[in-house]
């Protein structure tokens, strides 16, 4: 009975710590299809974000704010693009739709792949931009619908607006 109480007490104490470690993250699923990158899905959810080891070369993702500031950047690869040995001769008909040249005696490149990326959530993010390894923009994804804080520029006040702002600054410090 004492062991059960200790276990329950530990669960009650540890659970809030684990829950508080969670934060908002974007989960972005991308598809690579014969040179074209497309968005399969994008959600915002609670998760435990940890910085992953990034490749030196590859695709680059940038998260851009409403003020065109880069909030987050990372590199990634479509890991299944590079494949090893050739398929069996019996699979040639089926596999030719995925492999560019089945008869080459070297590793082949797949025509399709996918990647799932966890991106730290920023409440003023507007856009995700994906660049290919040659630094060419291949995809732009609008994330403004997930934003909680939108930077809206106030119009320059007219004559009376300036007087009101001056009076506010003078009396409401």
N, C-alpha and C. Protein backbone atom coordinates (compact mmCIF):
# COMPACT_ATOMS: atom_id res chain seq x y z
N UNK A 1 0.82 -1.19 0.00
CA UNK A 1 0.00 0.00 0.00
C UNK A 1 0.86 1.26 0.00
N UNK A 2 1.97 1.19 0.75
CA UNK A 2 2.87 2.33 0.84
C UNK A 2 3.52 2.60 -0.52
N UNK A 3 3.87 1.53 -1.24
CA UNK A 3 4.48 1.68 -2.57
C UNK A 3 3.50 2.34 -3.54
N UNK A 4 2.24 1.99 -3.48
CA UNK A 4 1.23 2.55 -4.37
C UNK A 4 1.07 4.05 -4.09
N UNK A 5 1.07 4.43 -2.82
CA UNK A 5 0.97 5.84 -2.46
C UNK A 5 2.17 6.62 -2.97
N UNK A 6 3.34 6.06 -2.84
CA UNK A 6 4.56 6.73 -3.33
C UNK A 6 4.51 6.89 -4.85
N UNK A 7 4.07 5.86 -5.56
CA UNK A 7 3.97 5.93 -7.02
C UNK A 7 2.95 6.98 -7.44
N UNK A 8 1.79 6.99 -6.78
CA UNK A 8 0.77 8.00 -7.09
C UNK A 8 1.28 9.41 -6.81
N UNK A 9 1.99 9.58 -5.71
CA UNK A 9 2.55 10.89 -5.38
C UNK A 9 3.56 11.33 -6.42
N UNK A 10 4.41 10.42 -6.88
CA UNK A 10 5.38 10.75 -7.91
C UNK A 10 4.70 11.12 -9.23
N UNK A 11 3.66 10.40 -9.58
CA UNK A 11 2.92 10.71 -10.82
C UNK A 11 2.29 12.09 -10.72
N UNK A 12 1.71 12.40 -9.58
CA UNK A 12 1.08 13.70 -9.39
C UNK A 12 2.11 14.82 -9.44
N UNK A 13 3.31 14.57 -8.93
CA UNK A 13 4.35 15.59 -8.95
C UNK A 13 5.02 15.73 -10.31
N UNK A 14 5.20 14.64 -11.03
CA UNK A 14 5.93 14.66 -12.31
C UNK A 14 5.03 15.09 -13.47
N UNK A 15 3.78 14.75 -13.43
CA UNK A 15 2.87 15.04 -14.55
C UNK A 15 2.82 16.53 -14.90
N UNK A 16 2.67 17.43 -13.93
CA UNK A 16 2.67 18.86 -14.30
C UNK A 16 3.99 19.32 -14.92
N UNK A 17 5.10 18.75 -14.51
CA UNK A 17 6.40 19.12 -15.08
C UNK A 17 6.47 18.69 -16.53
N UNK A 18 6.03 17.49 -16.84
CA UNK A 18 6.03 17.00 -18.21
C UNK A 18 5.09 17.83 -19.06
N UNK A 19 3.90 18.13 -18.54
CA UNK A 19 2.94 18.91 -19.29
C UNK A 19 3.44 20.33 -19.54
N UNK A 20 4.11 20.92 -18.55
CA UNK A 20 4.61 22.28 -18.73
C UNK A 20 5.78 22.33 -19.71
N UNK A 21 6.46 21.21 -19.94
CA UNK A 21 7.55 21.19 -20.91
C UNK A 21 7.01 21.24 -22.34
N UNK A 22 5.75 20.90 -22.52
CA UNK A 22 5.16 20.96 -23.84
C UNK A 22 4.92 22.41 -24.23
N UNK A 23 5.05 22.66 -25.52
CA UNK A 23 4.81 23.99 -26.05
C UNK A 23 4.18 23.87 -27.42
N UNK A 24 3.72 24.96 -27.94
CA UNK A 24 3.10 24.92 -29.26
C UNK A 24 4.17 24.72 -30.33
N UNK A 25 3.87 23.85 -31.27
CA UNK A 25 4.76 23.59 -32.40
C UNK A 25 3.93 23.43 -33.67
N UNK A 26 4.56 23.73 -34.80
CA UNK A 26 3.97 23.40 -36.09
C UNK A 26 4.46 22.00 -36.46
N UNK A 27 3.60 21.19 -37.01
CA UNK A 27 3.99 19.91 -37.60
C UNK A 27 3.70 20.05 -39.09
N UNK A 28 4.77 20.07 -39.88
CA UNK A 28 4.66 20.28 -41.32
C UNK A 28 5.06 19.01 -42.05
N UNK A 29 4.18 18.49 -42.88
CA UNK A 29 4.48 17.34 -43.72
C UNK A 29 4.65 17.80 -45.15
N UNK A 30 5.82 17.51 -45.71
CA UNK A 30 6.14 17.90 -47.07
C UNK A 30 6.28 16.67 -47.95
N UNK A 31 5.98 16.83 -49.23
CA UNK A 31 6.13 15.75 -50.18
C UNK A 31 7.06 16.21 -51.31
N UNK A 32 8.00 15.35 -51.65
CA UNK A 32 8.88 15.58 -52.79
C UNK A 32 8.42 14.64 -53.90
N UNK A 33 8.11 15.19 -55.06
CA UNK A 33 7.65 14.38 -56.17
C UNK A 33 8.32 14.85 -57.45
N UNK A 34 9.34 14.11 -57.85
CA UNK A 34 10.05 14.36 -59.11
C UNK A 34 10.52 15.81 -59.22
N UNK A 35 11.12 16.32 -58.16
CA UNK A 35 11.68 17.67 -58.17
C UNK A 35 10.77 18.74 -57.61
N UNK A 36 9.50 18.44 -57.38
CA UNK A 36 8.55 19.42 -56.88
C UNK A 36 8.25 19.15 -55.40
N UNK A 37 8.28 20.21 -54.59
CA UNK A 37 7.99 20.10 -53.16
C UNK A 37 6.61 20.69 -52.91
N UNK A 38 5.75 19.93 -52.23
CA UNK A 38 4.41 20.40 -51.90
C UNK A 38 4.11 20.15 -50.43
N UNK A 39 3.15 20.91 -49.90
CA UNK A 39 2.71 20.74 -48.51
C UNK A 39 1.64 19.68 -48.49
N UNK A 40 1.82 18.67 -47.68
CA UNK A 40 0.79 17.65 -47.47
C UNK A 40 -0.15 18.05 -46.35
N UNK A 41 0.42 18.54 -45.23
CA UNK A 41 -0.40 18.98 -44.11
C UNK A 41 0.40 19.91 -43.22
N UNK A 42 -0.33 20.72 -42.46
CA UNK A 42 0.28 21.63 -41.50
C UNK A 42 -0.70 21.80 -40.35
N UNK A 43 -0.23 21.51 -39.13
CA UNK A 43 -1.07 21.69 -37.94
C UNK A 43 -0.25 22.39 -36.86
N UNK A 44 -0.95 22.99 -35.92
CA UNK A 44 -0.33 23.52 -34.71
C UNK A 44 -0.85 22.67 -33.57
N UNK A 45 0.07 22.17 -32.75
CA UNK A 45 -0.30 21.29 -31.65
C UNK A 45 0.66 21.49 -30.49
N UNK A 46 0.38 20.84 -29.39
CA UNK A 46 1.30 20.84 -28.25
C UNK A 46 2.33 19.74 -28.45
N UNK A 47 3.57 20.04 -28.18
CA UNK A 47 4.62 19.03 -28.33
C UNK A 47 5.85 19.42 -27.54
N UNK A 48 6.77 18.51 -27.47
CA UNK A 48 8.04 18.78 -26.80
C UNK A 48 9.06 19.02 -27.90
N UNK A 49 9.44 20.27 -28.10
CA UNK A 49 10.34 20.65 -29.17
C UNK A 49 11.79 20.46 -28.71
N UNK A 50 12.58 19.86 -29.56
CA UNK A 50 14.01 19.76 -29.31
C UNK A 50 14.73 20.05 -30.62
N UNK A 51 15.81 20.77 -30.53
CA UNK A 51 16.59 21.14 -31.72
C UNK A 51 17.26 19.90 -32.29
N UNK A 52 17.00 19.63 -33.56
CA UNK A 52 17.58 18.46 -34.21
C UNK A 52 18.91 18.81 -34.86
N UNK A 53 19.73 17.80 -35.08
CA UNK A 53 20.97 18.00 -35.81
C UNK A 53 20.60 18.28 -37.27
N UNK A 54 21.16 19.35 -37.81
CA UNK A 54 20.83 19.75 -39.17
C UNK A 54 21.95 19.39 -40.12
N UNK A 55 21.60 18.99 -41.34
CA UNK A 55 22.64 18.70 -42.33
C UNK A 55 23.32 20.00 -42.77
N UNK A 56 24.54 19.87 -43.28
CA UNK A 56 25.25 21.06 -43.76
C UNK A 56 24.63 21.59 -45.05
N UNK A 57 24.16 20.68 -45.89
CA UNK A 57 23.52 21.09 -47.13
C UNK A 57 22.14 20.47 -47.18
N UNK A 58 21.32 20.98 -48.06
CA UNK A 58 19.98 20.45 -48.21
C UNK A 58 18.98 21.57 -48.37
N UNK A 59 17.73 21.25 -48.15
CA UNK A 59 16.68 22.24 -48.24
C UNK A 59 16.73 23.14 -47.01
N UNK A 60 16.29 24.38 -47.16
CA UNK A 60 16.27 25.33 -46.04
C UNK A 60 14.84 25.82 -45.82
N UNK A 61 14.42 25.88 -44.57
CA UNK A 61 13.11 26.37 -44.18
C UNK A 61 13.31 27.66 -43.39
N UNK A 62 12.51 28.67 -43.71
CA UNK A 62 12.52 29.92 -42.95
C UNK A 62 11.10 30.24 -42.52
N UNK A 63 10.95 30.65 -41.27
CA UNK A 63 9.67 31.10 -40.73
C UNK A 63 9.74 32.62 -40.65
N UNK A 64 8.83 33.30 -41.37
CA UNK A 64 8.89 34.75 -41.52
C UNK A 64 7.74 35.39 -40.74
N UNK A 65 8.02 36.52 -40.08
CA UNK A 65 7.00 37.23 -39.30
C UNK A 65 6.24 38.22 -40.17
N UNK A 66 5.24 38.86 -39.58
CA UNK A 66 4.46 39.88 -40.28
C UNK A 66 5.31 41.10 -40.61
N UNK A 67 6.42 41.29 -39.89
CA UNK A 67 7.32 42.41 -40.17
C UNK A 67 8.49 41.97 -41.05
N UNK A 68 8.36 40.82 -41.70
CA UNK A 68 9.36 40.24 -42.62
C UNK A 68 10.69 39.92 -41.93
N UNK A 69 10.64 39.64 -40.66
CA UNK A 69 11.81 39.22 -39.89
C UNK A 69 11.87 37.69 -39.92
N UNK A 70 13.08 37.12 -40.03
CA UNK A 70 13.25 35.67 -39.98
C UNK A 70 13.21 35.25 -38.51
N UNK A 71 12.16 34.50 -38.16
CA UNK A 71 11.99 34.05 -36.78
C UNK A 71 12.73 32.76 -36.49
N UNK A 72 12.83 31.91 -37.50
CA UNK A 72 13.38 30.57 -37.31
C UNK A 72 13.90 30.08 -38.65
N UNK A 73 15.00 29.36 -38.64
CA UNK A 73 15.52 28.77 -39.86
C UNK A 73 16.14 27.42 -39.54
N UNK A 74 16.05 26.52 -40.48
CA UNK A 74 16.68 25.21 -40.32
C UNK A 74 16.88 24.57 -41.68
N UNK A 75 17.80 23.61 -41.73
CA UNK A 75 18.03 22.84 -42.95
C UNK A 75 17.51 21.43 -42.74
N UNK A 76 17.09 20.80 -43.84
CA UNK A 76 16.60 19.43 -43.77
C UNK A 76 16.80 18.77 -45.12
N UNK A 77 16.64 17.47 -45.13
CA UNK A 77 16.73 16.71 -46.37
C UNK A 77 15.53 15.77 -46.48
N UNK A 78 15.24 15.37 -47.68
CA UNK A 78 14.27 14.30 -47.89
C UNK A 78 15.08 13.01 -47.84
N UNK A 79 15.07 12.36 -46.70
CA UNK A 79 16.01 11.28 -46.41
C UNK A 79 15.93 10.09 -47.33
N UNK A 80 14.80 9.83 -47.93
CA UNK A 80 14.67 8.62 -48.73
C UNK A 80 14.97 8.83 -50.21
N UNK A 81 15.47 10.03 -50.57
CA UNK A 81 15.75 10.28 -51.98
C UNK A 81 16.91 9.43 -52.49
N UNK A 82 17.91 9.22 -51.67
CA UNK A 82 19.07 8.44 -52.10
C UNK A 82 18.84 6.98 -51.72
N UNK A 83 18.84 6.10 -52.70
CA UNK A 83 18.61 4.69 -52.42
C UNK A 83 19.81 3.86 -52.88
N UNK A 84 19.93 2.71 -52.33
CA UNK A 84 21.06 1.85 -52.57
C UNK A 84 20.93 0.91 -53.74
N UNK A 85 20.94 -0.40 -53.49
CA UNK A 85 21.05 -1.38 -54.56
C UNK A 85 19.84 -1.39 -55.49
N UNK A 86 20.07 -1.91 -56.66
CA UNK A 86 19.01 -2.03 -57.66
C UNK A 86 17.97 -3.05 -57.22
N UNK A 87 16.74 -2.88 -57.67
CA UNK A 87 15.71 -3.86 -57.33
C UNK A 87 15.88 -5.14 -58.12
N UNK A 88 15.18 -6.17 -57.71
CA UNK A 88 15.21 -7.44 -58.42
C UNK A 88 14.59 -7.27 -59.80
N UNK A 89 15.05 -8.07 -60.75
CA UNK A 89 14.53 -7.99 -62.12
C UNK A 89 13.02 -8.21 -62.16
N UNK A 90 12.50 -9.03 -61.27
CA UNK A 90 11.06 -9.32 -61.28
C UNK A 90 10.22 -8.10 -60.89
N UNK A 91 10.86 -7.14 -60.20
CA UNK A 91 10.14 -5.95 -59.75
C UNK A 91 10.29 -4.76 -60.71
N UNK A 92 10.94 -4.99 -61.85
CA UNK A 92 11.25 -3.87 -62.75
C UNK A 92 10.00 -3.12 -63.19
N UNK A 93 8.96 -3.81 -63.59
CA UNK A 93 7.77 -3.13 -64.08
C UNK A 93 7.13 -2.25 -63.00
N UNK A 94 7.05 -2.78 -61.78
CA UNK A 94 6.45 -2.02 -60.71
C UNK A 94 7.34 -0.85 -60.28
N UNK A 95 8.61 -1.07 -60.23
CA UNK A 95 9.53 -0.07 -59.69
C UNK A 95 9.92 1.01 -60.68
N UNK A 96 9.68 0.84 -61.96
CA UNK A 96 10.07 1.88 -62.91
C UNK A 96 9.30 3.17 -62.69
N UNK A 97 8.16 3.10 -62.06
CA UNK A 97 7.43 4.34 -61.76
C UNK A 97 8.11 5.13 -60.64
N UNK A 98 8.95 4.50 -59.83
CA UNK A 98 9.63 5.19 -58.74
C UNK A 98 11.10 5.48 -59.04
N UNK A 99 11.73 4.66 -59.84
CA UNK A 99 13.15 4.81 -60.12
C UNK A 99 13.35 5.33 -61.54
N UNK A 100 14.22 6.33 -61.71
CA UNK A 100 14.38 6.92 -63.03
C UNK A 100 14.96 5.98 -64.08
N UNK A 101 15.99 5.22 -63.74
CA UNK A 101 16.58 4.31 -64.71
C UNK A 101 16.98 3.03 -63.98
N UNK A 102 16.19 2.02 -64.18
CA UNK A 102 16.34 0.77 -63.43
C UNK A 102 17.57 -0.02 -63.86
N UNK A 103 18.13 0.26 -65.04
CA UNK A 103 19.23 -0.56 -65.56
C UNK A 103 20.60 -0.05 -65.16
N UNK A 104 20.70 1.12 -64.59
CA UNK A 104 22.02 1.65 -64.19
C UNK A 104 22.59 0.82 -63.05
N UNK A 105 23.88 0.65 -63.08
CA UNK A 105 24.56 -0.13 -62.04
C UNK A 105 25.13 0.80 -60.97
N UNK A 106 24.35 1.74 -60.51
CA UNK A 106 24.74 2.68 -59.46
C UNK A 106 23.51 2.98 -58.62
N UNK A 107 23.72 3.57 -57.44
CA UNK A 107 22.55 3.91 -56.62
C UNK A 107 21.61 4.83 -57.39
N UNK A 108 20.33 4.60 -57.25
CA UNK A 108 19.34 5.38 -57.97
C UNK A 108 18.70 6.41 -57.06
N UNK A 109 18.08 7.40 -57.67
CA UNK A 109 17.33 8.40 -56.93
C UNK A 109 15.85 8.10 -57.05
N UNK A 110 15.18 8.11 -55.92
CA UNK A 110 13.73 7.94 -55.96
C UNK A 110 13.09 9.20 -56.53
N UNK A 111 11.93 9.05 -57.11
CA UNK A 111 11.22 10.20 -57.63
C UNK A 111 10.32 10.83 -56.58
N UNK A 112 9.98 10.09 -55.54
CA UNK A 112 9.10 10.63 -54.50
C UNK A 112 9.68 10.35 -53.11
N UNK A 113 9.35 11.24 -52.20
CA UNK A 113 9.75 11.08 -50.81
C UNK A 113 8.90 12.03 -49.97
N UNK A 114 9.07 11.97 -48.67
CA UNK A 114 8.34 12.88 -47.79
C UNK A 114 9.20 13.21 -46.58
N UNK A 115 8.83 14.29 -45.92
CA UNK A 115 9.54 14.70 -44.70
C UNK A 115 8.53 15.29 -43.73
N UNK A 116 8.71 15.00 -42.45
CA UNK A 116 7.89 15.60 -41.41
C UNK A 116 8.80 16.46 -40.55
N UNK A 117 8.44 17.74 -40.42
CA UNK A 117 9.26 18.68 -39.68
C UNK A 117 8.49 19.24 -38.50
N UNK A 118 9.15 19.32 -37.35
CA UNK A 118 8.59 19.98 -36.19
C UNK A 118 9.27 21.34 -36.09
N UNK A 119 8.45 22.39 -36.09
CA UNK A 119 8.94 23.76 -36.11
C UNK A 119 8.41 24.47 -34.88
N UNK A 120 9.26 25.18 -34.19
CA UNK A 120 8.84 25.93 -33.01
C UNK A 120 7.80 26.97 -33.41
N UNK A 121 6.71 27.06 -32.66
CA UNK A 121 5.62 27.98 -32.95
C UNK A 121 5.98 29.40 -32.51
N UNK A 122 5.68 30.36 -33.37
CA UNK A 122 5.80 31.78 -33.04
C UNK A 122 4.44 32.42 -33.27
N UNK A 123 3.98 33.21 -32.31
CA UNK A 123 2.62 33.75 -32.42
C UNK A 123 2.48 34.86 -33.45
N UNK A 124 3.60 35.38 -33.98
CA UNK A 124 3.51 36.42 -35.00
C UNK A 124 4.07 35.95 -36.35
N UNK A 125 4.03 34.64 -36.58
CA UNK A 125 4.53 34.09 -37.85
C UNK A 125 3.50 34.28 -38.96
N UNK A 126 4.00 34.60 -40.15
CA UNK A 126 3.12 34.83 -41.29
C UNK A 126 3.31 33.79 -42.39
N UNK A 127 4.56 33.39 -42.65
CA UNK A 127 4.85 32.55 -43.81
C UNK A 127 5.99 31.58 -43.51
N UNK A 128 5.90 30.39 -44.09
CA UNK A 128 7.02 29.45 -44.13
C UNK A 128 7.50 29.42 -45.57
N UNK A 129 8.80 29.61 -45.75
CA UNK A 129 9.38 29.57 -47.09
C UNK A 129 10.40 28.43 -47.14
N UNK A 130 10.30 27.61 -48.19
CA UNK A 130 11.22 26.49 -48.39
C UNK A 130 12.11 26.80 -49.60
N UNK A 131 13.43 26.66 -49.41
CA UNK A 131 14.41 26.85 -50.48
C UNK A 131 15.07 25.51 -50.78
N UNK A 132 15.35 25.25 -52.04
CA UNK A 132 16.04 24.02 -52.42
C UNK A 132 17.54 24.14 -52.14
N UNK A 133 18.33 23.08 -52.35
CA UNK A 133 19.77 23.14 -52.07
C UNK A 133 20.51 24.21 -52.89
N UNK A 134 19.92 24.68 -53.99
CA UNK A 134 20.53 25.73 -54.81
C UNK A 134 20.04 27.12 -54.41
N UNK A 135 19.37 27.22 -53.26
CA UNK A 135 18.88 28.47 -52.70
C UNK A 135 17.78 29.11 -53.55
N UNK A 136 16.99 28.29 -54.23
CA UNK A 136 15.87 28.75 -55.03
C UNK A 136 14.58 28.45 -54.26
N UNK A 137 13.71 29.48 -54.16
CA UNK A 137 12.46 29.30 -53.42
C UNK A 137 11.58 28.31 -54.18
N UNK A 138 11.17 27.22 -53.50
CA UNK A 138 10.35 26.19 -54.13
C UNK A 138 8.94 26.12 -53.55
N UNK A 139 8.73 26.71 -52.36
CA UNK A 139 7.41 26.62 -51.73
C UNK A 139 7.25 27.75 -50.73
N UNK A 140 6.05 28.32 -50.71
CA UNK A 140 5.70 29.34 -49.71
C UNK A 140 4.36 28.93 -49.11
N UNK A 141 4.32 28.86 -47.77
CA UNK A 141 3.13 28.40 -47.06
C UNK A 141 2.65 29.51 -46.13
N UNK A 142 1.40 29.90 -46.26
CA UNK A 142 0.80 30.92 -45.41
C UNK A 142 0.42 30.29 -44.06
N UNK A 143 0.97 30.83 -42.97
CA UNK A 143 0.63 30.34 -41.63
C UNK A 143 -0.04 31.43 -40.80
N UNK A 144 -0.46 32.51 -41.45
CA UNK A 144 -1.04 33.64 -40.73
C UNK A 144 -2.34 33.27 -40.01
N UNK A 145 -3.04 32.25 -40.50
CA UNK A 145 -4.28 31.84 -39.83
C UNK A 145 -4.01 31.25 -38.45
N UNK A 146 -2.77 30.84 -38.17
CA UNK A 146 -2.41 30.30 -36.86
C UNK A 146 -1.89 31.38 -35.92
N UNK A 147 -1.69 32.60 -36.43
CA UNK A 147 -1.07 33.67 -35.65
C UNK A 147 -2.00 34.15 -34.55
N UNK A 148 -1.42 34.44 -33.40
CA UNK A 148 -2.19 34.99 -32.29
C UNK A 148 -1.93 36.48 -32.12
N UNK A 149 -0.78 36.93 -32.59
CA UNK A 149 -0.42 38.33 -32.44
C UNK A 149 -0.05 38.84 -33.83
N UNK A 150 -0.85 39.74 -34.36
CA UNK A 150 -0.61 40.27 -35.69
C UNK A 150 -0.13 41.70 -35.56
N UNK A 151 1.00 41.99 -36.19
CA UNK A 151 1.54 43.34 -36.17
C UNK A 151 0.79 44.17 -37.21
N UNK A 152 -0.02 45.09 -36.72
CA UNK A 152 -0.78 45.96 -37.61
C UNK A 152 -0.24 47.37 -37.46
N UNK A 153 0.15 47.94 -38.58
CA UNK A 153 0.65 49.30 -38.54
C UNK A 153 -0.53 50.25 -38.45
N UNK A 154 -0.44 51.17 -37.48
CA UNK A 154 -1.48 52.16 -37.35
C UNK A 154 -1.23 53.26 -38.37
N UNK A 155 -2.31 53.76 -38.96
CA UNK A 155 -2.11 54.84 -39.92
C UNK A 155 -1.59 56.09 -39.22
N UNK A 156 -0.86 56.89 -39.96
CA UNK A 156 -0.35 58.13 -39.41
C UNK A 156 -1.55 59.03 -39.09
N UNK A 157 -1.66 59.49 -37.84
CA UNK A 157 -2.83 60.29 -37.48
C UNK A 157 -2.79 61.65 -38.17
N UNK A 158 -3.97 62.17 -38.40
CA UNK A 158 -4.08 63.52 -38.97
C UNK A 158 -3.77 64.56 -37.90
N UNK A 159 -4.13 65.78 -38.17
CA UNK A 159 -3.85 66.89 -37.27
C UNK A 159 -4.46 66.67 -35.89
N UNK A 160 -5.76 66.30 -35.85
CA UNK A 160 -6.43 66.10 -34.57
C UNK A 160 -5.90 64.84 -33.86
N UNK A 161 -5.54 63.83 -34.63
CA UNK A 161 -4.97 62.62 -34.04
C UNK A 161 -3.65 62.91 -33.35
N UNK A 162 -2.84 63.78 -33.96
CA UNK A 162 -1.56 64.15 -33.34
C UNK A 162 -1.79 64.92 -32.04
N UNK A 163 -2.79 65.81 -32.03
CA UNK A 163 -3.09 66.57 -30.81
C UNK A 163 -3.55 65.63 -29.71
N UNK A 164 -4.41 64.66 -30.05
CA UNK A 164 -4.89 63.69 -29.05
C UNK A 164 -3.72 62.85 -28.52
N UNK A 165 -2.84 62.39 -29.41
CA UNK A 165 -1.67 61.62 -28.98
C UNK A 165 -0.76 62.46 -28.09
N UNK A 166 -0.59 63.74 -28.40
CA UNK A 166 0.23 64.63 -27.59
C UNK A 166 -0.38 64.80 -26.21
N UNK A 167 -1.72 64.98 -26.15
CA UNK A 167 -2.40 65.13 -24.87
C UNK A 167 -2.32 63.85 -24.03
N UNK A 168 -2.45 62.71 -24.70
CA UNK A 168 -2.31 61.43 -23.98
C UNK A 168 -0.93 61.28 -23.40
N UNK A 169 0.08 61.63 -24.18
CA UNK A 169 1.47 61.52 -23.69
C UNK A 169 1.73 62.49 -22.55
N UNK A 170 1.08 63.65 -22.60
CA UNK A 170 1.30 64.68 -21.60
C UNK A 170 0.62 64.34 -20.27
N UNK A 171 -0.62 63.81 -20.31
CA UNK A 171 -1.39 63.60 -19.09
C UNK A 171 -1.45 62.16 -18.62
N UNK A 172 -1.19 61.18 -19.48
CA UNK A 172 -1.30 59.77 -19.07
C UNK A 172 0.04 59.08 -19.13
N UNK A 173 0.96 59.54 -18.36
CA UNK A 173 2.30 58.95 -18.35
C UNK A 173 2.35 57.75 -17.48
